[in-house]
Protein backbone atom coordinates (compact mmCIF):
# COMPACT_ATOMS: atom_id res chain seq x y z
CA MET A 1 0.49 -45.11 71.98
CA LEU A 2 2.62 -42.23 70.92
CA ARG A 3 6.14 -44.72 71.65
CA SER A 4 4.14 -47.06 68.99
CA ILE A 5 3.34 -43.99 66.40
CA ALA A 6 6.35 -42.61 66.28
CA THR A 7 7.71 -45.86 65.27
CA PHE A 8 6.05 -46.69 63.16
CA LEU A 9 6.53 -43.06 61.03
CA CYS A 10 10.06 -43.94 60.94
CA LEU A 11 10.01 -46.90 59.18
CA ARG A 12 7.65 -45.76 56.94
CA CYS A 13 9.79 -42.88 56.30
CA GLN A 14 12.84 -44.42 55.49
CA PRO A 15 15.25 -42.09 52.78
CA VAL A 16 15.36 -42.75 49.08
CA THR A 17 17.81 -41.97 47.21
CA ALA A 18 17.48 -39.98 44.58
CA LEU A 19 18.06 -40.59 41.19
CA PRO A 20 21.42 -38.88 39.09
CA LEU A 21 20.22 -35.40 37.04
CA ASN A 22 20.09 -37.74 33.51
CA LEU A 23 18.79 -40.41 34.99
CA ARG A 24 15.88 -39.21 36.32
CA SER A 25 15.23 -37.64 33.39
CA ARG A 26 16.09 -40.14 30.58
CA ALA A 27 13.79 -42.27 33.56
CA THR A 28 11.19 -39.86 32.56
CA HIS A 29 10.95 -39.96 28.93
CA SER A 30 11.02 -43.38 29.15
CA VAL A 31 8.06 -44.02 30.18
CA ALA A 32 5.87 -42.00 27.98
CA GLU A 33 7.73 -41.05 24.92
CA ASN A 34 8.47 -43.61 21.97
CA GLN A 35 11.79 -45.01 22.08
CA GLN A 36 11.56 -46.75 18.70
CA THR A 37 11.87 -43.37 17.25
CA VAL A 38 13.86 -41.95 20.10
CA GLU A 39 16.55 -44.64 19.05
CA ALA A 40 16.00 -44.15 15.67
CA LEU A 41 16.35 -40.09 15.35
CA TYR A 42 19.91 -40.12 16.98
CA ASP A 43 20.83 -42.63 14.79
CA LEU A 44 19.75 -39.82 12.09
CA SER A 45 21.61 -37.12 13.93
CA VAL A 46 18.49 -35.58 14.21
CA ASP A 47 18.74 -32.84 17.77
CA ILE A 48 16.39 -34.61 20.00
CA GLN A 49 16.68 -31.48 22.11
CA LYS A 50 15.43 -29.21 19.63
CA VAL A 51 12.21 -31.75 19.35
CA ARG A 52 12.12 -32.17 23.10
CA LYS A 53 11.64 -28.57 23.39
CA LEU A 54 9.64 -27.31 20.54
CA LYS A 55 8.02 -30.27 19.08
CA GLY A 56 8.52 -32.80 22.13
CA TRP A 57 4.47 -34.73 21.68
CA VAL A 58 6.13 -36.13 18.38
CA LEU A 59 7.90 -38.55 20.38
CA LEU A 60 4.77 -39.11 22.34
CA GLN A 61 2.97 -40.92 19.55
CA SER A 62 2.26 -44.29 17.63
CA PRO A 63 2.84 -45.14 15.62
CA ALA A 64 5.37 -43.45 13.96
CA TYR A 65 7.03 -44.19 11.15
CA THR A 66 10.79 -42.27 11.40
CA LYS A 67 13.24 -45.57 9.30
CA GLU A 68 10.29 -45.08 6.65
CA VAL A 69 10.29 -41.22 5.94
CA ALA A 70 14.96 -41.11 6.32
CA GLU A 71 14.56 -44.15 3.58
CA LEU A 72 12.55 -42.60 0.86
CA LEU A 73 14.34 -38.86 1.61
CA LYS A 74 17.33 -40.58 0.68
CA ASN A 75 16.03 -42.75 -2.18
CA MET A 76 15.43 -39.48 -3.75
CA GLY A 77 18.86 -38.01 -3.51
CA ALA A 78 18.34 -36.14 0.43
CA SER A 79 21.61 -36.38 2.07
CA GLY A 80 21.98 -37.18 6.34
CA PRO A 81 22.20 -33.79 6.93
CA ILE A 82 20.11 -32.50 5.26
CA ILE A 83 17.16 -35.57 6.72
CA ALA A 84 18.90 -34.41 10.09
CA HIS A 85 18.17 -31.12 9.58
CA ILE A 86 14.46 -31.37 7.71
CA LEU A 87 12.70 -34.02 10.81
CA THR A 88 14.57 -31.33 13.82
CA SER A 89 12.90 -28.58 12.31
CA HIS A 90 9.26 -30.73 11.61
CA PRO A 91 9.80 -33.81 13.66
CA GLU A 92 5.67 -34.35 12.90
CA ALA A 93 6.60 -35.86 9.22
CA VAL A 94 7.79 -39.16 11.39
CA LEU A 95 4.49 -39.55 12.31
CA CYS A 96 2.93 -39.33 8.47
CA ASN A 97 2.00 -43.33 7.04
CA PRO A 98 4.96 -44.38 3.70
CA GLU A 99 1.41 -44.36 1.53
CA GLN A 100 0.46 -41.34 2.09
CA ILE A 101 4.22 -40.04 1.67
CA TYR A 102 3.93 -42.18 -1.52
CA THR A 103 1.43 -39.96 -2.95
CA GLN A 104 2.23 -36.57 -1.77
CA LYS A 105 5.83 -37.56 -3.28
CA GLU A 106 3.93 -38.25 -6.46
CA LEU A 107 2.01 -35.23 -6.76
CA TRP A 108 4.69 -32.96 -6.02
CA MET A 109 6.54 -35.09 -9.12
CA SER A 110 3.71 -33.65 -11.55
CA VAL A 111 5.31 -30.76 -11.21
CA CYS A 112 9.01 -30.73 -10.18
CA PRO A 113 11.57 -30.47 -12.43
CA ASN A 114 13.45 -33.31 -10.79
CA GLN A 115 13.55 -35.22 -7.38
CA ARG A 116 16.69 -33.29 -6.35
CA GLU A 117 14.93 -30.73 -6.85
CA LEU A 118 11.57 -31.65 -4.35
CA VAL A 119 14.35 -32.37 -2.07
CA GLY A 120 15.11 -28.41 -2.24
CA VAL A 121 11.47 -28.14 -1.71
CA ILE A 122 10.88 -30.26 1.22
CA GLU A 123 14.10 -28.92 3.15
CA LYS A 124 13.05 -25.48 3.00
CA PHE A 125 9.40 -25.99 3.60
CA PRO A 126 8.53 -29.60 5.49
CA ALA A 127 5.80 -28.70 6.20
CA SER A 128 3.96 -28.39 2.70
CA PHE A 129 5.36 -31.88 1.78
CA PHE A 130 4.14 -33.71 4.69
CA THR A 131 0.50 -32.57 4.88
CA SER A 132 -2.72 -34.61 5.18
CA SER A 133 -3.58 -37.16 3.42
CA SER A 134 -7.41 -35.86 3.53
CA HIS A 135 -5.82 -32.87 1.96
CA HIS A 136 -4.80 -35.23 -1.01
CA ASP A 137 -8.39 -34.63 -3.18
CA ASN A 138 -7.47 -31.02 -3.17
CA GLN A 139 -4.12 -31.04 -3.93
CA ARG A 140 -4.26 -33.00 -7.00
CA ASN A 141 -7.60 -30.44 -8.22
CA ASN A 142 -5.69 -27.46 -7.55
CA ILE A 143 -2.78 -28.69 -9.26
CA SER A 144 -5.03 -29.84 -12.19
CA TYR A 145 -6.50 -26.59 -12.02
CA PHE A 146 -3.11 -24.84 -12.44
CA GLN A 147 -1.71 -26.33 -15.03
CA SER A 148 -4.79 -25.91 -17.13
CA LEU A 149 -3.94 -22.16 -16.51
CA ASN A 150 -0.22 -22.98 -18.66
CA LEU A 151 0.70 -21.85 -15.79
CA ASN A 152 4.85 -22.62 -15.07
CA LYS A 153 6.13 -25.76 -12.89
CA ARG A 154 8.08 -23.94 -10.98
CA VAL A 155 5.30 -21.27 -10.24
CA ILE A 156 3.18 -24.33 -9.10
CA THR A 157 5.72 -25.54 -7.27
CA LYS A 158 6.32 -22.42 -5.45
CA LEU A 159 2.42 -22.09 -4.53
CA MET A 160 2.08 -25.30 -3.51
CA ALA A 161 5.40 -24.11 -1.33
CA SER A 162 4.35 -21.02 0.30
CA ALA A 163 0.76 -20.84 0.39
CA PRO A 164 -0.18 -25.32 1.58
CA GLN A 165 -3.08 -23.60 2.14
CA SER A 166 -4.45 -22.53 -1.21
CA PHE A 167 -3.83 -26.46 -2.33
CA SER A 168 -5.75 -27.25 0.63
CA ARG A 169 -8.50 -26.24 0.09
CA PRO A 170 -11.58 -26.99 -2.62
CA VAL A 171 -10.45 -26.15 -6.05
CA GLU A 172 -13.32 -23.48 -6.68
CA GLN A 173 -12.01 -21.48 -3.78
CA ASN A 174 -9.14 -20.10 -6.53
CA GLU A 175 -11.05 -21.07 -8.94
CA LEU A 176 -13.16 -17.85 -7.75
CA MET A 177 -10.10 -15.33 -6.79
CA VAL A 178 -7.99 -16.41 -10.29
CA HIS A 179 -11.34 -15.03 -12.02
CA THR A 180 -12.06 -12.34 -10.12
CA LEU A 181 -7.95 -11.41 -10.66
CA GLN A 182 -8.25 -12.11 -14.75
CA HIS A 183 -11.45 -9.81 -14.78
CA ALA A 184 -10.11 -6.94 -12.81
CA TYR A 185 -6.66 -6.50 -15.37
CA GLN A 186 -8.87 -7.24 -18.08
CA GLU A 187 -11.33 -3.86 -16.86
CA LEU A 188 -8.74 -2.50 -16.46
CA GLY A 189 -7.43 -2.85 -19.99
CA GLY A 190 -5.17 -5.18 -20.18
CA GLU A 191 -4.43 -6.89 -23.38
CA GLU A 192 -5.61 -11.02 -23.15
CA ALA A 193 -2.57 -12.12 -24.53
CA ASN A 194 -0.29 -10.69 -22.07
CA MET A 195 -2.39 -12.16 -19.15
CA LYS A 196 -1.17 -15.43 -18.49
CA ILE A 197 2.48 -13.87 -17.99
CA TRP A 198 0.84 -11.05 -15.63
CA LEU A 199 -0.90 -13.54 -13.53
CA GLN A 200 1.98 -16.44 -13.14
CA LYS A 201 4.47 -13.10 -12.54
CA LEU A 202 1.66 -12.14 -9.60
CA LEU A 203 0.54 -15.39 -7.79
CA SER A 204 4.85 -15.93 -7.40
CA GLN A 205 5.46 -13.20 -6.09
CA ASN A 206 2.67 -12.99 -4.08
CA PRO A 207 1.05 -16.62 -3.60
CA PHE A 208 -1.11 -15.69 -0.91
CA VAL A 209 -2.66 -13.69 -2.88
CA LEU A 210 -5.21 -16.82 -3.63
CA LEU A 211 -6.20 -16.74 0.09
CA LYS A 212 -7.89 -12.91 0.53
CA PRO A 213 -11.33 -12.72 -0.31
CA PRO A 214 -12.02 -11.08 -3.59
CA GLU A 215 -14.79 -8.08 -2.33
CA VAL A 216 -10.97 -7.46 -0.85
CA LEU A 217 -9.92 -6.50 -4.47
CA ARG A 218 -13.02 -5.09 -5.24
CA GLU A 219 -13.46 -2.79 -2.43
CA ASN A 220 -9.88 -1.88 -2.69
CA PHE A 221 -9.90 -0.91 -6.73
CA LEU A 222 -12.80 1.49 -5.89
CA PHE A 223 -11.43 3.53 -3.69
CA LEU A 224 -8.50 4.18 -4.79
CA ARG A 225 -10.82 5.10 -8.16
CA ASP A 226 -12.43 7.75 -5.88
CA LYS A 227 -9.54 8.52 -5.40
CA GLY A 228 -8.94 10.06 -8.31
CA PHE A 229 -6.39 7.36 -10.45
CA SER A 230 -7.62 6.26 -13.90
CA THR A 231 -8.46 2.98 -15.72
CA PRO A 232 -4.27 2.50 -16.93
CA GLN A 233 -2.99 4.36 -13.60
CA LEU A 234 -4.80 1.68 -11.44
CA LEU A 235 -3.46 -1.13 -14.14
CA HIS A 236 0.31 0.24 -12.81
CA LEU A 237 -0.41 0.11 -9.71
CA LEU A 238 -2.31 -3.65 -9.77
CA SER A 239 1.04 -5.09 -11.24
CA ARG A 240 3.08 -3.25 -9.52
CA LEU A 241 1.87 -4.29 -6.57
CA LYS A 242 2.65 -7.73 -7.11
CA GLY A 243 -0.46 -8.88 -6.03
CA PHE A 244 -0.41 -7.08 -2.21
CA VAL A 245 -3.81 -4.94 -3.24
CA ALA A 246 -4.94 -8.04 -1.24
CA GLU A 247 -3.57 -6.79 1.77
CA LEU A 248 -4.41 -3.51 1.53
CA ASN A 249 -8.04 -2.12 2.75
CA PRO A 250 -10.01 1.49 2.17
CA ASP A 251 -9.00 2.97 6.30
CA SER A 252 -5.41 1.65 6.26
CA MET A 253 -4.98 3.65 2.28
CA ARG A 254 -7.17 6.40 3.33
CA HIS A 255 -4.89 7.02 6.41
CA THR A 256 -1.55 6.98 5.01
CA LEU A 257 -2.56 8.79 1.97
CA LEU A 258 -3.61 11.99 4.35
CA TYR A 259 -0.49 11.57 6.59
CA SER A 260 1.62 11.19 3.13
CA GLN A 261 0.05 14.40 1.48
CA ASP A 262 0.38 16.68 4.85
CA THR A 263 3.69 15.46 5.24
CA ILE A 264 4.90 16.64 1.56
CA GLY A 265 2.56 19.22 1.48
CA CYS A 266 1.87 18.42 -1.90
CA SER A 267 -2.19 17.92 -4.03
CA GLU A 268 -3.31 15.29 -4.85
CA THR A 269 -2.46 15.32 -8.37
CA GLU A 270 1.26 15.06 -7.21
CA LEU A 271 0.68 13.02 -4.72
CA ARG A 272 -0.92 10.68 -7.75
CA GLY A 273 2.15 10.91 -9.76
CA ILE A 274 4.60 9.89 -6.45
CA ILE A 275 2.02 6.66 -5.43
CA LEU A 276 2.26 5.11 -9.36
CA ARG A 277 5.88 6.21 -9.09
CA CYS A 278 6.64 4.26 -5.29
CA PRO A 279 3.51 1.92 -5.46
CA ALA A 280 4.62 0.96 -1.46
CA LEU A 281 3.37 4.21 0.11
CA LEU A 282 -0.30 2.92 -0.45
CA TYR A 283 0.62 0.43 2.37
CA TYR A 284 3.39 1.88 4.54
CA PRO A 285 1.37 2.91 8.25
CA GLU A 286 1.38 6.12 8.98
CA SER A 287 4.55 5.32 11.72
CA THR A 288 6.79 3.91 9.08
CA LEU A 289 6.62 6.45 6.89
CA ALA A 290 6.97 8.94 10.12
CA GLU A 291 10.10 7.23 10.74
CA ARG A 292 11.63 7.55 7.16
CA PHE A 293 10.73 11.23 6.17
CA GLU A 294 12.23 11.62 9.83
CA GLY A 295 15.61 9.74 8.62
CA LEU A 296 15.44 11.72 5.21
CA LEU A 297 15.31 15.30 6.69
CA SER A 298 17.49 14.81 8.96
CA ALA A 299 20.36 13.39 7.51
CA GLY A 300 20.26 17.35 5.09
CA ILE A 301 17.85 15.86 2.36
CA SER A 302 15.18 18.21 1.19
CA MET A 303 11.82 16.77 0.12
CA CYS A 304 11.84 17.93 -2.88
CA GLN A 305 14.40 15.09 -3.84
CA ILE A 306 12.68 12.93 -1.62
CA THR A 307 9.45 13.52 -4.26
CA ALA A 308 11.81 13.25 -7.35
CA THR A 309 12.91 9.68 -6.47
CA PRO A 310 9.61 8.77 -3.74
CA THR A 311 10.98 4.79 -4.02
CA VAL A 312 14.07 5.95 -1.34
CA LEU A 313 11.14 5.65 0.87
CA GLU A 314 11.51 1.77 0.77
CA LEU A 315 13.94 1.45 2.58
CA THR A 316 14.52 1.22 6.14
CA THR A 317 16.14 4.15 7.49
CA GLN A 318 19.11 1.82 8.94
CA ILE A 319 20.17 1.46 5.53
CA VAL A 320 19.47 4.45 4.31
CA ASN A 321 22.11 5.94 6.93
CA TYR A 322 24.44 3.50 5.63
CA ARG A 323 25.05 3.81 2.50
CA ILE A 324 24.95 7.25 2.67
CA GLN A 325 28.34 7.40 5.06
CA GLN A 326 29.83 4.95 2.37
CA LEU A 327 29.19 7.74 -0.28
CA LYS A 328 30.03 10.28 2.36
CA ALA A 329 33.51 8.35 2.41
CA ARG A 330 33.47 8.31 -0.89
CA GLY A 331 33.37 11.84 -1.18
CA TYR A 332 29.53 12.47 -2.55
CA ASP A 333 27.15 14.67 -1.36
CA ILE A 334 23.91 13.01 -1.50
CA ARG A 335 22.00 16.12 -0.53
CA THR A 336 23.16 18.11 -3.56
CA GLY A 337 23.50 14.32 -5.92
CA SER A 338 20.13 13.01 -6.70
CA LEU A 339 19.14 9.95 -4.61
CA GLU A 340 18.90 7.38 -7.10
CA VAL A 341 22.11 6.26 -5.96
CA LEU A 342 20.36 4.68 -2.83
CA ASN A 343 17.87 2.71 -4.12
CA GLY A 344 17.69 -0.19 -5.14
CA THR A 345 18.81 -4.15 -3.65
CA LYS A 346 21.90 -4.29 -1.81
CA LYS A 347 23.72 -5.64 -4.91
CA ASP A 348 22.41 -2.06 -7.28
CA PHE A 349 24.17 -0.56 -4.19
CA GLU A 350 27.60 -1.77 -5.20
CA MET A 351 26.80 -1.51 -8.99
CA SER A 352 26.72 1.80 -8.40
CA PHE A 353 28.83 2.98 -5.77
CA GLY A 354 30.93 0.69 -7.27
CA LYS A 355 30.49 3.27 -10.70
CA LEU A 356 31.05 6.87 -8.76
CA GLN A 357 33.92 5.13 -7.72
CA LEU A 358 35.39 4.02 -10.63
CA ARG A 359 34.33 7.70 -12.95
CA ARG A 360 36.26 9.45 -9.76
CA GLU A 361 39.53 6.94 -10.03
CA ARG A 362 39.47 7.33 -13.53
CA PRO A 363 41.76 10.90 -15.03
CA LEU A 364 39.50 12.67 -17.84
CA PHE A 365 40.90 12.82 -21.47
CA ASN A 366 41.61 15.45 -23.37
CA PRO A 367 41.73 14.18 -26.26
CA VAL A 368 43.36 17.77 -27.60
CA ALA A 369 46.15 17.34 -25.11
CA PRO A 370 49.09 17.03 -26.42
CA LEU A 371 51.08 13.50 -26.08
CA LYS A 372 53.63 12.87 -24.36
CA ALA A 373 57.20 11.05 -25.91
CA ASP A 374 59.70 8.79 -24.80
CA ASP A 375 63.21 10.49 -24.33
């Protein structure tokens, strides 16, 4: 009895030859993946391994329109490498019905100057272009609304690319936020003639302001008014904060203001003057400000210098230290000079640094010194 059972088990447990790793992987993928999609993506030089790792679910879907999507992009002027880049970073594009994509193209071309620029937008923001067809009506209505405001087409394109959520929702929500911004601008004394330019600049600098509840804007202005900012000063802050006034909240501003006043050792009036020159102080958290104050003070810079040029606090400690070393190498002592030379973008600093270097190398001209004559 036992012998027969043992013989049966031996026959059932015969060794099976294992597949090589590469064949096992291919067999596993081939069971579930849409092979037509995989092969089409291979032909387009798409990084399949990256797609499998990050968005492998796309390869399991059917139907897919890989060739059709690639052909549409090609007809718009996209090169092979650009198509491969788009489909690698956003493979979901192959799941979009061609009719849906053509409709989307027509919508975007109503605000894009030409197809070449649209390809550039798709390359940078593919998820904004390849969206659900259920959003087309909202997109169309929102485009019409922003066009009715006489906004520049490039600004509308930037809004669609950077904050697509604001175009996929009902137009009434955007109308409410825009009206709130316009009302705030007028209430604070802004001129009607300049409102379109002001709104265009604000939306261009921070497209996400449209996604914020209008109540946030009102609460922030009420808080700042209670802190002693006048109406013209509030208008100045609204413009300088580049729309980020909607990113703030009274609690965070309260803590930041208390910390800044305590660290600087100034009055509320003096603090308001500093904030008007550097509105960024309102939205940096205490930890960030603490690091930047400490970095500047440890470099030998005085608090008086910081309050005279508070915009230096917008720079990270690493950038400040690098620029100080660059200036020191040219003989400029930041502890006794102006901090203005530290300010600005990389390009701004390089220009200031170049002027300092040129000034040191250029010999002084003495108008009363006798000219040397050739013998």
